[in-house]
N, C-alpha and C. Protein backbone atom coordinates (compact mmCIF):
# COMPACT_ATOMS: atom_id res chain seq x y z
N MET A 1 -94.76 -37.11 68.46
CA MET A 1 -93.38 -37.35 68.80
C MET A 1 -93.15 -36.87 70.22
N ASP A 2 -92.35 -37.60 70.98
CA ASP A 2 -92.06 -37.22 72.35
C ASP A 2 -90.54 -37.15 72.55
N ARG A 3 -90.15 -36.83 73.77
CA ARG A 3 -88.71 -36.67 74.06
C ARG A 3 -87.93 -37.94 73.77
N LYS A 4 -88.51 -39.08 74.14
CA LYS A 4 -87.82 -40.36 73.94
C LYS A 4 -87.54 -40.60 72.46
N ASN A 5 -88.53 -40.38 71.61
CA ASN A 5 -88.35 -40.57 70.18
C ASN A 5 -87.35 -39.59 69.59
N LEU A 6 -87.36 -38.35 70.08
CA LEU A 6 -86.39 -37.37 69.60
C LEU A 6 -84.97 -37.76 69.97
N ASN A 7 -84.79 -38.26 71.19
CA ASN A 7 -83.46 -38.72 71.61
C ASN A 7 -83.01 -39.91 70.77
N LEU A 8 -83.93 -40.83 70.50
CA LEU A 8 -83.60 -41.98 69.64
C LEU A 8 -83.22 -41.52 68.23
N LEU A 9 -83.97 -40.58 67.71
CA LEU A 9 -83.67 -40.05 66.38
C LEU A 9 -82.28 -39.42 66.34
N ASN A 10 -81.97 -38.64 67.35
CA ASN A 10 -80.66 -38.00 67.42
C ASN A 10 -79.54 -39.04 67.56
N GLU A 11 -79.74 -40.03 68.41
CA GLU A 11 -78.73 -41.08 68.59
C GLU A 11 -78.54 -41.88 67.31
N ASN A 12 -79.63 -42.21 66.63
CA ASN A 12 -79.52 -42.98 65.39
C ASN A 12 -78.81 -42.17 64.30
N PHE A 13 -79.11 -40.88 64.23
CA PHE A 13 -78.43 -40.04 63.25
C PHE A 13 -76.93 -40.01 63.55
N ALA A 14 -76.59 -39.81 64.82
CA ALA A 14 -75.18 -39.74 65.21
C ALA A 14 -74.47 -41.07 64.99
N SER A 15 -75.17 -42.17 65.18
CA SER A 15 -74.55 -43.49 65.05
C SER A 15 -74.45 -43.98 63.61
N PHE A 16 -75.47 -43.73 62.81
CA PHE A 16 -75.54 -44.35 61.50
C PHE A 16 -75.32 -43.40 60.32
N ILE A 17 -75.79 -42.18 60.43
CA ILE A 17 -75.70 -41.25 59.30
C ILE A 17 -74.45 -40.38 59.38
N ALA A 18 -74.22 -39.79 60.55
CA ALA A 18 -73.11 -38.86 60.70
C ALA A 18 -71.75 -39.45 60.32
N PRO A 19 -71.45 -40.71 60.66
CA PRO A 19 -70.16 -41.27 60.26
C PRO A 19 -69.96 -41.33 58.74
N LEU A 20 -71.04 -41.34 57.99
CA LEU A 20 -70.94 -41.41 56.53
C LEU A 20 -70.73 -40.03 55.90
N LEU A 21 -70.91 -38.99 56.70
CA LEU A 21 -70.82 -37.63 56.18
C LEU A 21 -69.45 -37.03 56.48
N ASN A 22 -69.01 -36.16 55.59
CA ASN A 22 -67.73 -35.47 55.75
C ASN A 22 -68.02 -34.02 56.13
N GLU A 23 -67.58 -33.60 57.32
CA GLU A 23 -67.85 -32.24 57.78
C GLU A 23 -67.13 -31.18 56.95
N ASN A 24 -66.12 -31.58 56.19
CA ASN A 24 -65.38 -30.64 55.35
C ASN A 24 -66.07 -30.41 54.00
N ASP A 25 -67.00 -31.27 53.65
CA ASP A 25 -67.75 -31.13 52.42
C ASP A 25 -68.97 -30.25 52.69
N PRO A 26 -69.12 -29.13 51.97
CA PRO A 26 -70.23 -28.22 52.24
C PRO A 26 -71.61 -28.86 52.16
N GLU A 27 -71.81 -29.78 51.22
CA GLU A 27 -73.11 -30.43 51.09
C GLU A 27 -73.40 -31.33 52.29
N ASP A 28 -72.40 -32.07 52.72
CA ASP A 28 -72.58 -32.93 53.89
C ASP A 28 -72.79 -32.10 55.15
N TYR A 29 -72.03 -31.03 55.27
CA TYR A 29 -72.18 -30.14 56.43
C TYR A 29 -73.58 -29.54 56.46
N HIS A 30 -74.11 -29.21 55.29
CA HIS A 30 -75.46 -28.67 55.20
C HIS A 30 -76.50 -29.69 55.67
N ILE A 31 -76.30 -30.95 55.33
CA ILE A 31 -77.21 -32.01 55.79
C ILE A 31 -77.18 -32.11 57.31
N ILE A 32 -75.99 -32.07 57.89
CA ILE A 32 -75.86 -32.13 59.35
C ILE A 32 -76.55 -30.93 59.98
N TRP A 33 -76.31 -29.76 59.43
CA TRP A 33 -76.89 -28.53 59.97
C TRP A 33 -78.42 -28.55 59.87
N GLU A 34 -78.94 -28.98 58.73
CA GLU A 34 -80.39 -29.05 58.54
C GLU A 34 -81.03 -30.05 59.51
N PHE A 35 -80.37 -31.18 59.73
CA PHE A 35 -80.90 -32.14 60.68
C PHE A 35 -80.93 -31.56 62.08
N GLN A 36 -79.86 -30.90 62.49
CA GLN A 36 -79.82 -30.29 63.82
C GLN A 36 -80.90 -29.22 63.96
N LYS A 37 -81.12 -28.46 62.92
CA LYS A 37 -82.17 -27.43 62.93
C LYS A 37 -83.55 -28.09 63.05
N PHE A 38 -83.78 -29.15 62.29
CA PHE A 38 -85.04 -29.90 62.36
C PHE A 38 -85.25 -30.46 63.76
N LEU A 39 -84.23 -31.07 64.33
CA LEU A 39 -84.32 -31.67 65.65
C LEU A 39 -84.62 -30.60 66.71
N HIS A 40 -83.96 -29.47 66.61
CA HIS A 40 -84.18 -28.38 67.56
C HIS A 40 -85.63 -27.88 67.47
N ASP A 41 -86.13 -27.73 66.27
CA ASP A 41 -87.50 -27.29 66.08
C ASP A 41 -88.50 -28.27 66.69
N LYS A 42 -88.28 -29.56 66.49
CA LYS A 42 -89.17 -30.58 67.05
C LYS A 42 -89.09 -30.59 68.58
N LYS A 43 -87.89 -30.40 69.13
CA LYS A 43 -87.74 -30.36 70.59
C LYS A 43 -88.51 -29.18 71.17
N LEU A 44 -88.43 -28.04 70.51
CA LEU A 44 -89.18 -26.87 70.98
C LEU A 44 -90.68 -27.13 70.96
N LYS A 45 -91.16 -27.77 69.91
CA LYS A 45 -92.60 -28.08 69.81
C LYS A 45 -93.02 -29.05 70.92
N VAL A 46 -92.19 -30.04 71.20
CA VAL A 46 -92.52 -31.01 72.25
C VAL A 46 -92.53 -30.31 73.61
N LEU A 47 -91.54 -29.49 73.88
CA LEU A 47 -91.48 -28.79 75.16
C LEU A 47 -92.64 -27.81 75.31
N THR A 48 -93.00 -27.14 74.24
CA THR A 48 -94.13 -26.22 74.28
C THR A 48 -95.43 -26.98 74.56
N ALA A 49 -95.60 -28.12 73.92
CA ALA A 49 -96.80 -28.94 74.13
C ALA A 49 -96.85 -29.45 75.57
N GLU A 50 -95.71 -29.89 76.09
CA GLU A 50 -95.67 -30.37 77.47
C GLU A 50 -96.01 -29.24 78.43
N SER A 51 -95.46 -28.08 78.20
CA SER A 51 -95.73 -26.93 79.06
C SER A 51 -97.21 -26.54 79.01
N ALA A 52 -97.78 -26.55 77.82
CA ALA A 52 -99.20 -26.21 77.68
C ALA A 52 -100.07 -27.24 78.40
N GLY A 53 -99.68 -28.49 78.33
CA GLY A 53 -100.42 -29.55 79.02
C GLY A 53 -100.38 -29.36 80.53
N LEU A 54 -99.21 -29.00 81.05
CA LEU A 54 -99.09 -28.76 82.49
C LEU A 54 -99.93 -27.57 82.92
N LYS A 55 -99.90 -26.51 82.13
CA LYS A 55 -100.70 -25.33 82.46
C LYS A 55 -102.19 -25.67 82.47
N LYS A 56 -102.60 -26.48 81.51
CA LYS A 56 -104.01 -26.88 81.42
C LYS A 56 -104.42 -27.67 82.66
N TRP A 57 -103.56 -28.63 83.08
CA TRP A 57 -103.87 -29.41 84.27
C TRP A 57 -103.91 -28.54 85.52
N LYS A 58 -103.00 -27.60 85.63
CA LYS A 58 -103.00 -26.69 86.78
C LYS A 58 -104.30 -25.89 86.83
N GLU A 59 -104.74 -25.39 85.68
CA GLU A 59 -105.98 -24.63 85.62
C GLU A 59 -107.18 -25.50 86.02
N ILE A 60 -107.20 -26.72 85.55
CA ILE A 60 -108.30 -27.64 85.88
C ILE A 60 -108.32 -27.91 87.38
N LEU A 61 -107.15 -28.15 87.95
CA LEU A 61 -107.06 -28.45 89.38
C LEU A 61 -107.42 -27.23 90.24
N GLN A 62 -107.05 -26.04 89.78
CA GLN A 62 -107.36 -24.84 90.54
C GLN A 62 -108.85 -24.50 90.51
N ARG A 63 -109.54 -24.91 89.48
CA ARG A 63 -110.98 -24.66 89.38
C ARG A 63 -111.77 -25.50 90.38
N ARG A 64 -111.21 -26.61 90.79
CA ARG A 64 -111.94 -27.50 91.70
C ARG A 64 -111.83 -27.02 93.08
């Protein structure tokens, strides 16, 4: 998964799923909260992977 796919996932959730949910209903609010938590976790993993990739390339270039 990359940033583009995560943004698409977030946009699709906001466009198609969120309108069907009621923020005043605890169960629906929990679904929204869990999705946001899931999305945040995936974004952190993507950013960490990107950062690790950049560090690896810098190390490779510095060795030459």
